[in-house]
Amino acid sequence: MDRKAIGDKIQVILVKVLKHDRFEMHDELTATMVEGWDSLTHMAIIAEIEKEFSVQFKLKELNKLRNMGTLLDLVQSKLN
């Protein structure tokens, strides 16, 4: 799956979990830039991503996430 398709699916997940679409998807996007994205919703987002893509993240991998770009790269690496 290409990076854009992954990003599109993650955007749908974000809208579903956060219950709004008041953000712009880009590689530098971080949780602090998005209203309502706190530690609790972060875990819900990660769980939904794991479910959507049938992948599992290790805690070590999650700790290395810095922004949306690194998340997209991680999901893509799991799918390849």
C-alpha atoms as a PDB file:
ATOM      1  CA  MET A   1       0.000   0.000   0.000  1.00  0.00           C
ATOM      2  CA  ASP A   2       1.378   3.416  -0.873  1.00  0.00           C
ATOM      3  CA  ARG A   3       1.991   6.163   1.664  1.00  0.00           C
ATOM      4  CA  LYS A   4      -0.893   8.355   0.453  1.00  0.00           C
ATOM      5  CA  ALA A   5      -3.420   5.532   0.840  1.00  0.00           C
ATOM      6  CA  ILE A   6      -2.120   4.866   4.355  1.00  0.00           C
ATOM      7  CA  GLY A   7      -2.424   8.561   5.187  1.00  0.00           C
ATOM      8  CA  ASP A   8      -5.967   8.703   3.851  1.00  0.00           C
ATOM      9  CA  LYS A   9      -7.017   5.775   6.041  1.00  0.00           C
ATOM     10  CA  ILE A  10      -5.315   7.266   9.094  1.00  0.00           C
ATOM     11  CA  GLN A  11      -7.077  10.574   8.468  1.00  0.00           C
ATOM     12  CA  VAL A  12     -10.434   8.760   8.536  1.00  0.00           C
ATOM     13  CA  ILE A  13      -9.416   7.157  11.846  1.00  0.00           C
ATOM     14  CA  LEU A  14      -8.431  10.526  13.314  1.00  0.00           C
ATOM     15  CA  VAL A  15     -11.768  12.067  12.336  1.00  0.00           C
ATOM     16  CA  LYS A  16     -13.627   9.096  13.822  1.00  0.00           C
ATOM     17  CA  VAL A  17     -11.749   9.108  17.132  1.00  0.00           C
ATOM     18  CA  LEU A  18     -11.435  12.883  17.556  1.00  0.00           C
ATOM     19  CA  LYS A  19     -14.970  13.541  16.246  1.00  0.00           C
ATOM     20  CA  HIS A  20     -13.834  16.480  14.104  1.00  0.00           C
ATOM     21  CA  ASP A  21     -11.808  17.226  10.993  1.00  0.00           C
ATOM     22  CA  ARG A  22     -10.263  20.543  12.020  1.00  0.00           C
ATOM     23  CA  PHE A  23      -6.706  19.579  11.125  1.00  0.00           C
ATOM     24  CA  GLU A  24      -4.609  19.265   8.000  1.00  0.00           C
ATOM     25  CA  MET A  25      -2.757  16.019   7.377  1.00  0.00           C
ATOM     26  CA  HIS A  26       0.959  16.528   6.730  1.00  0.00           C
ATOM     27  CA  ASP A  27       4.189  14.840   7.773  1.00  0.00           C
ATOM     28  CA  GLU A  28       4.973  17.395  10.487  1.00  0.00           C
ATOM     29  CA  LEU A  29       1.550  17.059  12.177  1.00  0.00           C
ATOM     30  CA  THR A  30       1.802  16.283  15.904  1.00  0.00           C
ATOM     31  CA  ALA A  31      -0.809  15.588  18.554  1.00  0.00           C
ATOM     32  CA  THR A  32      -0.253  19.000  20.149  1.00  0.00           C
ATOM     33  CA  MET A  33      -1.447  20.633  16.919  1.00  0.00           C
ATOM     34  CA  VAL A  34      -4.838  18.896  16.994  1.00  0.00           C
ATOM     35  CA  GLU A  35      -7.679  19.821  19.327  1.00  0.00           C
ATOM     36  CA  GLY A  36      -8.716  16.888  21.502  1.00  0.00           C
ATOM     37  CA  TRP A  37      -5.683  14.704  20.753  1.00  0.00           C
ATOM     38  CA  ASP A  38      -4.535  13.819  24.253  1.00  0.00           C
ATOM     39  CA  SER A  39      -2.956  10.710  25.759  1.00  0.00           C
ATOM     40  CA  LEU A  40      -6.278   8.858  25.954  1.00  0.00           C
ATOM     41  CA  THR A  41      -7.312   9.575  22.373  1.00  0.00           C
ATOM     42  CA  HIS A  42      -3.749   8.792  21.274  1.00  0.00           C
ATOM     43  CA  MET A  43      -4.114   5.224  22.523  1.00  0.00           C
ATOM     44  CA  ALA A  44      -7.523   4.921  20.835  1.00  0.00           C
ATOM     45  CA  ILE A  45      -5.991   6.168  17.564  1.00  0.00           C
ATOM     46  CA  ILE A  46      -3.129   3.670  17.798  1.00  0.00           C
ATOM     47  CA  ALA A  47      -5.577   0.828  18.551  1.00  0.00           C
ATOM     48  CA  GLU A  48      -7.733   1.775  15.547  1.00  0.00           C
ATOM     49  CA  ILE A  49      -4.666   1.939  13.276  1.00  0.00           C
ATOM     50  CA  GLU A  50      -3.546  -1.508  14.434  1.00  0.00           C
ATOM     51  CA  LYS A  51      -7.030  -2.852  13.740  1.00  0.00           C
ATOM     52  CA  GLU A  52      -7.398  -1.152  10.337  1.00  0.00           C
ATOM     53  CA  PHE A  53      -4.039  -2.316   9.004  1.00  0.00           C
ATOM     54  CA  SER A  54      -3.856  -5.651  10.901  1.00  0.00           C
ATOM     55  CA  VAL A  55      -0.536  -4.709  12.487  1.00  0.00           C
ATOM     56  CA  GLN A  56       0.801  -4.549  16.029  1.00  0.00           C
ATOM     57  CA  PHE A  57       3.199  -1.925  17.303  1.00  0.00           C
ATOM     58  CA  LYS A  58       5.873  -2.518  19.890  1.00  0.00           C
ATOM     59  CA  LEU A  59       6.206   0.026  22.692  1.00  0.00           C
ATOM     60  CA  LYS A  60       9.731   0.761  21.452  1.00  0.00           C
ATOM     61  CA  GLU A  61       8.327   1.670  18.022  1.00  0.00           C
ATOM     62  CA  LEU A  62       5.644   3.919  19.489  1.00  0.00           C
ATOM     63  CA  ASN A  63       8.206   5.750  21.611  1.00  0.00           C
ATOM     64  CA  LYS A  64      10.128   6.659  18.443  1.00  0.00           C
ATOM     65  CA  LEU A  65       7.125   8.354  16.809  1.00  0.00           C
ATOM     66  CA  ARG A  66       7.718  12.091  16.431  1.00  0.00           C
ATOM     67  CA  ASN A  67       5.013  13.182  13.980  1.00  0.00           C
ATOM     68  CA  MET A  68       2.597  11.940  11.341  1.00  0.00           C
ATOM     69  CA  GLY A  69       5.447  11.307   8.908  1.00  0.00           C
ATOM     70  CA  THR A  70       7.133   8.836  11.240  1.00  0.00           C
ATOM     71  CA  LEU A  71       3.777   7.146  11.890  1.00  0.00           C
ATOM     72  CA  LEU A  72       3.133   6.763   8.151  1.00  0.00           C
ATOM     73  CA  ASP A  73       6.634   5.354   7.672  1.00  0.00           C
ATOM     74  CA  LEU A  74       6.127   2.878  10.515  1.00  0.00           C
ATOM     75  CA  VAL A  75       2.788   1.627   9.185  1.00  0.00           C
ATOM     76  CA  GLN A  76       4.220   1.316   5.676  1.00  0.00           C
ATOM     77  CA  SER A  77       7.210  -0.671   6.967  1.00  0.00           C
ATOM     78  CA  LYS A  78       4.846  -3.046   8.792  1.00  0.00           C
ATOM     79  CA  LEU A  79       2.859  -3.625   5.593  1.00  0.00           C
ATOM     80  CA  ASN A  80       5.915  -4.368   3.431  1.00  0.00           C
END
